[in-house]
C-alpha atoms as a PDB file:
ATOM      1  CA  MET A   1       0.000   0.000   0.000  1.00  0.00           C
ATOM      2  CA  ASP A   2       1.472   3.321  -1.074  1.00  0.00           C
ATOM      3  CA  PHE A   3       1.472   6.406   1.145  1.00  0.00           C
ATOM      4  CA  ASP A   4      -1.097   8.921  -0.065  1.00  0.00           C
ATOM      5  CA  LEU A   5      -0.610  12.442   1.299  1.00  0.00           C
ATOM      6  CA  SER A   6      -3.936  13.659  -0.093  1.00  0.00           C
ATOM      7  CA  ALA A   7      -5.835  10.855   1.687  1.00  0.00           C
ATOM      8  CA  LEU A   8      -4.001  11.637   4.934  1.00  0.00           C
ATOM      9  CA  LEU A   9      -4.774  15.367   4.674  1.00  0.00           C
ATOM     10  CA  HIS A  10      -8.391  14.545   3.892  1.00  0.00           C
ATOM     11  CA  LEU A  11      -8.691  12.295   6.927  1.00  0.00           C
ATOM     12  CA  VAL A  12      -6.964  14.736   9.283  1.00  0.00           C
ATOM     13  CA  ALA A  13      -9.126  17.660   8.103  1.00  0.00           C
ATOM     14  CA  ALA A  14     -12.308  15.620   8.653  1.00  0.00           C
ATOM     15  CA  VAL A  15     -11.201  14.501  12.114  1.00  0.00           C
ATOM     16  CA  ILE A  16     -10.339  18.075  13.162  1.00  0.00           C
ATOM     17  CA  TRP A  17     -13.673  19.484  11.935  1.00  0.00           C
ATOM     18  CA  VAL A  18     -15.857  16.771  13.444  1.00  0.00           C
ATOM     19  CA  GLY A  19     -13.731  16.568  16.594  1.00  0.00           C
ATOM     20  CA  GLY A  20     -13.913  20.329  17.039  1.00  0.00           C
ATOM     21  CA  MET A  21     -17.695  20.261  16.779  1.00  0.00           C
ATOM     22  CA  PHE A  22     -17.855  17.361  19.231  1.00  0.00           C
ATOM     23  CA  PHE A  23     -15.654  19.200  21.740  1.00  0.00           C
ATOM     24  CA  ALA A  24     -17.599  22.452  21.398  1.00  0.00           C
ATOM     25  CA  TYR A  25     -21.008  20.816  21.667  1.00  0.00           C
ATOM     26  CA  MET A  26     -20.377  18.066  24.189  1.00  0.00           C
ATOM     27  CA  ALA A  27     -17.716  19.615  26.465  1.00  0.00           C
ATOM     28  CA  LEU A  28     -17.458  23.402  26.149  1.00  0.00           C
ATOM     29  CA  ARG A  29     -21.191  24.149  25.770  1.00  0.00           C
ATOM     30  CA  PRO A  30     -22.410  22.527  29.003  1.00  0.00           C
ATOM     31  CA  VAL A  31     -19.517  23.838  31.095  1.00  0.00           C
ATOM     32  CA  ALA A  32     -19.729  27.390  29.727  1.00  0.00           C
ATOM     33  CA  GLY A  33     -23.487  27.386  30.272  1.00  0.00           C
ATOM     34  CA  ARG A  34     -23.073  26.243  33.859  1.00  0.00           C
ATOM     35  CA  LEU A  35     -20.183  28.515  34.884  1.00  0.00           C
ATOM     36  CA  LEU A  36     -20.628  31.759  32.951  1.00  0.00           C
ATOM     37  CA  GLU A  37     -23.285  34.449  33.173  1.00  0.00           C
ATOM     38  CA  PRO A  38     -24.894  35.163  29.782  1.00  0.00           C
ATOM     39  CA  PRO A  39     -22.886  38.260  28.784  1.00  0.00           C
ATOM     40  CA  LEU A  40     -19.553  36.560  29.473  1.00  0.00           C
ATOM     41  CA  GLY A  41     -20.702  33.227  28.027  1.00  0.00           C
ATOM     42  CA  LEU A  42     -21.951  34.909  24.857  1.00  0.00           C
ATOM     43  CA  ARG A  43     -18.666  36.798  24.482  1.00  0.00           C
ATOM     44  CA  LEU A  44     -16.779  33.532  24.971  1.00  0.00           C
ATOM     45  CA  TRP A  45     -18.820  31.780  22.270  1.00  0.00           C
ATOM     46  CA  SER A  46     -18.449  34.698  19.890  1.00  0.00           C
ATOM     47  CA  GLU A  47     -14.659  34.582  20.251  1.00  0.00           C
ATOM     48  CA  VAL A  48     -14.344  30.772  20.260  1.00  0.00           C
ATOM     49  CA  LEU A  49     -16.470  30.490  17.129  1.00  0.00           C
ATOM     50  CA  GLN A  50     -14.432  33.203  15.418  1.00  0.00           C
ATOM     51  CA  VAL A  51     -11.272  31.118  15.852  1.00  0.00           C
ATOM     52  CA  PHE A  52     -12.919  27.756  15.147  1.00  0.00           C
ATOM     53  CA  PHE A  53     -14.789  28.953  12.058  1.00  0.00           C
ATOM     54  CA  ALA A  54     -11.587  30.400  10.585  1.00  0.00           C
ATOM     55  CA  TRP A  55     -10.120  26.918  10.890  1.00  0.00           C
ATOM     56  CA  VAL A  56     -13.255  25.327   9.449  1.00  0.00           C
ATOM     57  CA  TRP A  57     -12.901  27.445   6.282  1.00  0.00           C
ATOM     58  CA  VAL A  58      -9.364  26.053   5.881  1.00  0.00           C
ATOM     59  CA  LEU A  59     -10.589  22.531   6.607  1.00  0.00           C
ATOM     60  CA  VAL A  60     -13.428  22.816   4.081  1.00  0.00           C
ATOM     61  CA  LEU A  61     -10.944  23.960   1.447  1.00  0.00           C
ATOM     62  CA  VAL A  62      -8.608  21.053   2.270  1.00  0.00           C
ATOM     63  CA  LEU A  63     -11.484  18.537   2.294  1.00  0.00           C
ATOM     64  CA  TRP A  64     -12.899  19.620  -1.070  1.00  0.00           C
ATOM     65  CA  THR A  65      -9.480  19.917  -2.698  1.00  0.00           C
ATOM     66  CA  THR A  66      -8.218  16.554  -1.482  1.00  0.00           C
ATOM     67  CA  GLY A  67     -11.596  14.899  -1.995  1.00  0.00           C
ATOM     68  CA  LEU A  68     -11.771  15.996  -5.619  1.00  0.00           C
ATOM     69  CA  TRP A  69      -8.144  15.022  -6.143  1.00  0.00           C
ATOM     70  CA  LEU A  70      -8.781  11.562  -4.695  1.00  0.00           C
ATOM     71  CA  LEU A  71     -11.895  11.187  -6.823  1.00  0.00           C
ATOM     72  CA  LEU A  72     -10.193  12.243 -10.061  1.00  0.00           C
ATOM     73  CA  SER A  73      -7.043  10.231  -9.402  1.00  0.00           C
ATOM     74  CA  ARG A  74      -8.841   6.989  -8.536  1.00  0.00           C
ATOM     75  CA  PHE A  75     -11.763   6.916 -10.966  1.00  0.00           C
ATOM     76  CA  SER A  76     -11.689   7.626 -14.684  1.00  0.00           C
ATOM     77  CA  ASP A  77     -15.443   7.310 -15.170  1.00  0.00           C
ATOM     78  CA  ILE A  78     -18.394   8.376 -13.039  1.00  0.00           C
ATOM     79  CA  ALA A  79     -19.849   4.877 -13.419  1.00  0.00           C
ATOM     80  CA  GLN A  80     -16.839   3.484 -11.533  1.00  0.00           C
ATOM     81  CA  ILE A  81     -17.442   5.624  -8.447  1.00  0.00           C
ATOM     82  CA  PRO A  82     -18.885   3.480  -5.629  1.00  0.00           C
ATOM     83  CA  LEU A  83     -22.148   4.463  -3.957  1.00  0.00           C
ATOM     84  CA  TYR A  84     -20.413   5.224  -0.640  1.00  0.00           C
ATOM     85  CA  VAL A  85     -18.255   7.858  -2.392  1.00  0.00           C
ATOM     86  CA  HIS A  86     -21.348   9.520  -3.882  1.00  0.00           C
ATOM     87  CA  LEU A  87     -22.968   9.507  -0.436  1.00  0.00           C
ATOM     88  CA  MET A  88     -19.798  10.904   1.139  1.00  0.00           C
ATOM     89  CA  ALA A  89     -19.685  13.741  -1.395  1.00  0.00           C
ATOM     90  CA  GLY A  90     -23.388  14.434  -0.931  1.00  0.00           C
ATOM     91  CA  LEU A  91     -23.099  14.609   2.854  1.00  0.00           C
ATOM     92  CA  ALA A  92     -19.989  16.771   2.504  1.00  0.00           C
ATOM     93  CA  ALA A  93     -21.946  19.173   0.299  1.00  0.00           C
ATOM     94  CA  VAL A  94     -24.789  19.332   2.832  1.00  0.00           C
ATOM     95  CA  MET A  95     -22.332  19.916   5.693  1.00  0.00           C
ATOM     96  CA  THR A  96     -20.578  22.648   3.719  1.00  0.00           C
ATOM     97  CA  LEU A  97     -23.890  24.369   2.986  1.00  0.00           C
ATOM     98  CA  ILE A  98     -24.960  24.159   6.645  1.00  0.00           C
ATOM     99  CA  PHE A  99     -21.622  25.589   7.768  1.00  0.00           C
ATOM    100  CA  SER A 100     -21.778  28.396   5.182  1.00  0.00           C
ATOM    101  CA  PHE A 101     -25.321  29.280   6.231  1.00  0.00           C
ATOM    102  CA  THR A 102     -24.271  29.221   9.893  1.00  0.00           C
ATOM    103  CA  PHE A 103     -21.265  31.448   9.239  1.00  0.00           C
ATOM    104  CA  PHE A 104     -23.016  34.037   7.062  1.00  0.00           C
ATOM    105  CA  GLY A 105     -26.280  34.018   9.036  1.00  0.00           C
ATOM    106  CA  PRO A 106     -26.621  33.236  12.748  1.00  0.00           C
ATOM    107  CA  TYR A 107     -22.912  33.521  13.561  1.00  0.00           C
ATOM    108  CA  ARG A 108     -22.598  36.989  11.992  1.00  0.00           C
ATOM    109  CA  TYR A 109     -25.758  38.108  13.785  1.00  0.00           C
ATOM    110  CA  LEU A 110     -24.371  36.677  17.035  1.00  0.00           C
ATOM    111  CA  ARG A 111     -21.132  38.669  16.614  1.00  0.00           C
ATOM    112  CA  ALA A 112     -23.061  41.862  15.878  1.00  0.00           C
ATOM    113  CA  ALA A 113     -25.410  41.393  18.848  1.00  0.00           C
ATOM    114  CA  VAL A 114     -22.501  40.684  21.228  1.00  0.00           C
ATOM    115  CA  THR A 115     -20.645  43.764  19.971  1.00  0.00           C
ATOM    116  CA  ARG A 116     -23.720  45.928  20.669  1.00  0.00           C
ATOM    117  CA  GLY A 117     -24.454  44.237  24.023  1.00  0.00           C
ATOM    118  CA  LEU A 118     -27.829  42.911  22.850  1.00  0.00           C
ATOM    119  CA  TRP A 119     -27.787  39.784  24.999  1.00  0.00           C
ATOM    120  CA  THR A 120     -31.284  38.493  24.214  1.00  0.00           C
ATOM    121  CA  GLU A 121     -30.617  38.675  20.475  1.00  0.00           C
ATOM    122  CA  ALA A 122     -27.148  37.194  20.932  1.00  0.00           C
ATOM    123  CA  ASN A 123     -28.589  34.278  22.902  1.00  0.00           C
ATOM    124  CA  PHE A 124     -31.198  33.665  20.193  1.00  0.00           C
ATOM    125  CA  GLU A 125     -28.485  33.551  17.507  1.00  0.00           C
ATOM    126  CA  LEU A 126     -26.225  31.339  19.613  1.00  0.00           C
ATOM    127  CA  THR A 127     -29.120  28.883  19.964  1.00  0.00           C
ATOM    128  CA  ARG A 128     -29.451  28.855  16.153  1.00  0.00           C
ATOM    129  CA  VAL A 129     -25.693  28.271  15.804  1.00  0.00           C
ATOM    130  CA  ARG A 130     -25.831  25.419  18.339  1.00  0.00           C
ATOM    131  CA  ARG A 131     -28.665  23.679  16.482  1.00  0.00           C
ATOM    132  CA  LEU A 132     -26.857  23.948  13.163  1.00  0.00           C
ATOM    133  CA  VAL A 133     -23.597  22.716  14.695  1.00  0.00           C
ATOM    134  CA  ALA A 134     -25.490  19.803  16.275  1.00  0.00           C
ATOM    135  CA  THR A 135     -26.897  18.932  12.845  1.00  0.00           C
ATOM    136  CA  ASN A 136     -23.460  19.090  11.246  1.00  0.00           C
ATOM    137  CA  LEU A 137     -21.967  17.091  14.097  1.00  0.00           C
ATOM    138  CA  ALA A 138     -24.555  14.349  13.588  1.00  0.00           C
ATOM    139  CA  LEU A 139     -23.908  14.310   9.840  1.00  0.00           C
ATOM    140  CA  GLY A 140     -20.142  14.327  10.422  1.00  0.00           C
ATOM    141  CA  LEU A 141     -20.366  11.398  12.831  1.00  0.00           C
ATOM    142  CA  VAL A 142     -22.476   9.442  10.346  1.00  0.00           C
ATOM    143  CA  LEU A 143     -20.004  10.243   7.586  1.00  0.00           C
ATOM    144  CA  VAL A 144     -16.929   9.336   9.620  1.00  0.00           C
ATOM    145  CA  SER A 145     -18.590   6.146  10.879  1.00  0.00           C
ATOM    146  CA  ALA A 146     -19.694   5.054   7.423  1.00  0.00           C
ATOM    147  CA  VAL A 147     -16.339   5.761   5.816  1.00  0.00           C
ATOM    148  CA  GLY A 148     -14.472   4.228   8.748  1.00  0.00           C
ATOM    149  CA  ALA A 149     -16.602   1.100   8.553  1.00  0.00           C
ATOM    150  CA  ARG A 150     -15.955   0.918   4.801  1.00  0.00           C
ATOM    151  CA  TRP A 151     -12.185   1.320   5.260  1.00  0.00           C
ATOM    152  CA  LEU A 152     -12.045  -1.239   8.058  1.00  0.00           C
ATOM    153  CA  THR A 153     -13.728  -3.984   6.009  1.00  0.00           C
END
């Protein structure tokens, strides 16, 4: 088996994105909600998401670039592409759209509300971000599980 840098980069980018969502949703969210009053908690989320989402843009670029490279280098005809690869690409497209919507919608509104000290509005937008991240996390876990199961067999 030959070493494939593009496959490694693809895998690492997926693990970082899904792992980051898992950490944020399952570890940081409950602790921040328990320990921080809303203004401080909302500021924390605004800043954490700013850093994380910058990384997600890089990860999305790496995932699509390496994914397309892997697809083009391994299959010469669309009829040769296995169903699991089509499903992987479809889920990746849905996840990318959800992330883009989150970034350009609720997240931007969250940042603006936090900047202006509008805590009720900021909390509303953070709830929208959380729901969208939870959706992407679920899709990411399905995707990683399905691909992992395929690779392990």
